[in-house]
Amino acid sequence: MLHHEPSGSGTTQPRRRAALVFVLLIAVICGAVAAGSLWSAGAETDRALAAHRHQVTATTTGPAKDPPVATRYGSKAQAVAPAVWEQPEHVRRSGNIHVPPATPQGRTVTIWVDDAGAPARPPGSAADRALTALSGGVAAAGVIGVTGAGVVLLVRRRTDGHRLAAWEREWEQVEPVWSGRLHRGSGAGNDDE
């Protein structure tokens, strides 16, 4: 049995692959641009934050207490202890600070404070910034890649449908001549004979 291929099918596969490779390339480029932008923005934010953060030495005035269960979702376990410290202008301050679990009274720990001397989170590290940039870049590349591939596949499906419909119309005209049968109602005979 002979199979008739829709016209142009030999060239569509390389085109489809090229389109998908192009979408992948665009996704990777956009992901790299997003990662670079996130890195730059994070570096600028960290520089601005670092200008207003200071490390000081605090001394615990009581034993560490485990934080409530609702606040234990950090990457490393931390407890809370009362402490005293001097802010950068040599003004004595006191309050609760985060310390390692089981920190005893009288232990010195290094903490970060803001310009007013209140405990504050430290400026971001290069590792944190890299993780944020990488995550954002991968997410951007993924969204663009999946969306672009979806568009390519939708266009492919639509063009295949049109191409197959055109092939069916052409085949309806060619098949009776090719098989030696004529269409019914053409006045040339009956296919049942």
Protein backbone atom coordinates (compact mmCIF):
# COMPACT_ATOMS: atom_id res chain seq x y z
CA MET A 1 0.00 0.00 0.00
CA LEU A 2 1.39 3.37 -0.95
CA HIS A 3 1.31 6.19 1.57
CA HIS A 4 0.95 9.74 0.41
CA GLU A 5 2.73 12.25 2.65
CA PRO A 6 1.21 15.70 3.04
CA SER A 7 3.11 18.19 0.95
CA GLY A 8 5.99 19.91 2.75
CA SER A 9 6.17 17.39 5.62
CA GLY A 10 9.83 16.69 4.95
CA THR A 11 10.77 20.25 5.78
CA THR A 12 8.44 20.80 8.74
CA GLN A 13 10.34 18.62 11.22
CA PRO A 14 13.57 20.62 10.97
CA ARG A 15 11.54 23.84 11.15
CA ARG A 16 9.76 22.66 14.27
CA ARG A 17 13.02 21.65 15.88
CA ALA A 18 14.56 24.97 14.92
CA ALA A 19 11.59 26.82 16.41
CA LEU A 20 11.86 24.89 19.67
CA VAL A 21 15.64 25.45 19.81
CA PHE A 22 15.04 29.16 19.18
CA VAL A 23 12.49 29.29 22.02
CA LEU A 24 14.93 27.47 24.30
CA LEU A 25 17.70 29.90 23.39
CA ILE A 26 15.45 32.90 24.06
CA ALA A 27 14.40 31.36 27.40
CA VAL A 28 18.02 30.83 28.45
CA ILE A 29 18.98 34.37 27.45
CA CYS A 30 15.99 35.85 29.31
CA GLY A 31 16.79 33.70 32.34
CA ALA A 32 20.39 34.92 32.32
CA VAL A 33 19.26 38.54 32.02
CA ALA A 34 16.78 38.05 34.88
CA ALA A 35 19.45 36.42 37.05
CA GLY A 36 21.89 39.25 36.32
CA SER A 37 19.27 41.87 37.12
CA LEU A 38 18.35 40.15 40.38
CA TRP A 39 22.03 39.88 41.33
CA SER A 40 22.61 43.59 40.64
CA ALA A 41 19.47 44.69 42.46
CA GLY A 42 20.31 42.45 45.43
CA ALA A 43 23.88 43.76 45.56
CA GLU A 44 22.64 47.35 45.55
CA THR A 45 20.09 46.61 48.28
CA ASP A 46 22.70 44.81 50.37
CA ARG A 47 25.17 47.71 49.98
CA ALA A 48 22.51 50.19 51.08
CA LEU A 49 21.51 47.96 53.98
CA ALA A 50 25.14 47.37 55.03
CA ALA A 51 25.65 51.13 55.35
CA HIS A 52 23.04 51.12 58.13
CA ARG A 53 23.94 47.85 59.89
CA HIS A 54 26.63 47.42 62.49
CA GLN A 55 28.01 44.43 64.37
CA VAL A 56 28.23 44.80 68.13
CA THR A 57 28.94 42.45 71.01
CA ALA A 58 26.03 41.64 73.31
CA THR A 59 26.12 39.86 76.65
CA THR A 60 23.21 37.65 77.65
CA THR A 61 21.59 38.59 80.95
CA GLY A 62 19.52 35.43 81.20
CA PRO A 63 19.45 31.90 79.78
CA ALA A 64 18.21 31.24 76.25
CA LYS A 65 14.58 30.25 75.81
CA ASP A 66 13.33 28.26 72.84
CA PRO A 67 11.18 30.41 70.58
CA PRO A 68 7.48 29.60 70.12
CA VAL A 69 6.79 26.77 67.67
CA ALA A 70 5.34 29.25 65.15
CA THR A 71 8.71 31.04 64.82
CA ARG A 72 10.95 27.97 64.39
CA TYR A 73 10.94 27.97 60.58
CA GLY A 74 14.50 29.20 60.06
CA SER A 75 17.38 27.43 58.39
CA LYS A 76 19.24 27.13 61.70
CA ALA A 77 17.77 26.73 65.15
CA GLN A 78 17.75 29.88 67.24
CA ALA A 79 16.56 30.68 70.72
CA VAL A 80 15.84 34.03 72.35
CA ALA A 81 17.70 35.47 75.35
CA PRO A 82 17.67 38.82 77.15
CA ALA A 83 20.89 40.74 76.57
CA VAL A 84 22.63 44.10 76.86
CA TRP A 85 24.86 45.78 74.28
CA GLU A 86 26.20 49.15 73.31
CA GLN A 87 25.06 50.68 70.08
CA PRO A 88 27.69 52.37 67.91
CA GLU A 89 27.42 55.71 69.83
CA HIS A 90 28.27 53.89 73.11
CA VAL A 91 24.71 54.05 74.39
CA ARG A 92 23.77 51.00 76.46
CA ARG A 93 20.73 49.09 75.16
CA SER A 94 18.88 45.98 76.24
CA GLY A 95 16.35 43.60 74.75
CA ASN A 96 15.80 40.10 73.47
CA ILE A 97 18.18 38.77 70.84
CA HIS A 98 18.47 35.57 68.82
CA VAL A 99 21.13 33.21 70.15
CA PRO A 100 22.03 29.54 69.64
CA PRO A 101 19.90 27.15 71.72
CA ALA A 102 21.06 26.55 75.31
CA THR A 103 23.12 29.77 75.44
CA PRO A 104 23.78 30.44 79.16
CA GLN A 105 23.57 33.74 80.99
CA GLY A 106 26.75 35.85 80.69
CA ARG A 107 27.73 34.58 77.22
CA THR A 108 28.91 37.18 74.68
CA VAL A 109 27.50 36.97 71.17
CA THR A 110 27.89 39.14 68.09
CA ILE A 111 24.68 40.71 66.83
CA TRP A 112 23.72 43.13 64.08
CA VAL A 113 22.01 46.40 64.98
CA ASP A 114 20.58 49.23 62.90
CA ASP A 115 21.60 52.89 63.18
CA ALA A 116 19.30 53.31 66.21
CA GLY A 117 20.94 50.34 67.98
CA ALA A 118 17.96 47.97 67.68
CA PRO A 119 18.65 44.35 66.72
CA ALA A 120 18.37 43.92 62.94
CA ARG A 121 18.95 41.29 60.33
CA PRO A 122 22.41 41.27 58.80
CA PRO A 123 23.02 42.48 55.26
CA GLY A 124 22.56 39.73 52.68
CA SER A 125 25.46 37.50 51.80
CA ALA A 126 26.77 36.73 48.34
CA ALA A 127 25.46 33.16 48.76
CA ASP A 128 21.92 34.40 49.51
CA ARG A 129 22.11 36.81 46.59
CA ALA A 130 23.36 34.04 44.27
CA LEU A 131 20.53 31.72 45.34
CA THR A 132 17.94 34.45 44.75
CA ALA A 133 19.42 35.34 41.35
CA LEU A 134 19.68 31.71 40.28
CA SER A 135 16.14 30.90 41.41
CA GLY A 136 14.74 33.95 39.64
CA GLY A 137 16.69 33.22 36.46
CA VAL A 138 15.57 29.59 36.37
CA ALA A 139 11.97 30.63 37.02
CA ALA A 140 12.06 33.23 34.24
CA ALA A 141 13.66 30.79 31.80
CA GLY A 142 11.12 28.12 32.74
CA VAL A 143 8.11 30.37 32.27
CA ILE A 144 9.37 31.73 28.96
CA GLY A 145 10.46 28.28 27.75
CA VAL A 146 7.17 26.57 28.62
CA THR A 147 5.09 29.42 27.21
CA GLY A 148 7.16 29.61 24.02
CA ALA A 149 7.14 25.85 23.51
CA GLY A 150 3.38 25.86 24.08
CA VAL A 151 2.93 28.51 21.40
CA VAL A 152 5.17 26.61 18.97
CA LEU A 153 3.24 23.39 19.58
CA LEU A 154 -0.12 25.15 19.21
CA VAL A 155 0.99 26.69 15.92
CA ARG A 156 2.31 23.31 14.83
CA ARG A 157 -0.97 21.61 15.66
CA ARG A 158 -2.96 24.25 13.83
CA THR A 159 -0.77 24.16 10.72
CA ASP A 160 -0.79 20.35 10.74
CA GLY A 161 -4.59 20.44 10.83
CA HIS A 162 -4.71 22.81 7.86
CA ARG A 163 -2.10 20.79 6.01
CA LEU A 164 -3.93 17.49 6.59
CA ALA A 165 -7.26 19.01 5.55
CA ALA A 166 -5.65 20.26 2.32
CA TRP A 167 -4.10 16.83 1.77
CA GLU A 168 -7.51 15.16 2.22
CA ARG A 169 -9.05 17.55 -0.35
CA GLU A 170 -6.22 16.82 -2.81
CA TRP A 171 -6.50 13.08 -2.18
CA GLU A 172 -10.25 13.13 -2.89
CA GLN A 173 -9.39 14.47 -6.34
CA VAL A 174 -6.38 12.24 -7.03
CA GLU A 175 -7.49 8.92 -5.49
CA PRO A 176 -10.18 8.00 -8.06
CA VAL A 177 -7.75 8.59 -10.91
CA TRP A 178 -4.89 6.85 -9.11
CA SER A 179 -7.01 3.79 -8.20
CA GLY A 180 -8.73 3.65 -11.58
CA ARG A 181 -12.16 4.43 -10.08
CA LEU A 182 -14.21 7.39 -11.03
CA HIS A 183 -16.41 9.41 -8.72
CA ARG A 184 -20.05 8.34 -8.40
CA GLY A 185 -22.33 10.52 -10.34
CA SER A 186 -19.69 11.43 -12.88
CA GLY A 187 -21.54 9.35 -15.46
CA ALA A 188 -18.64 7.01 -16.09
CA GLY A 189 -19.83 3.95 -14.22
CA ASN A 190 -20.48 2.39 -10.86
CA ASP A 191 -17.85 1.34 -8.31
CA ASP A 192 -19.87 -1.74 -7.33
CA GLU A 193 -19.40 -3.44 -10.69
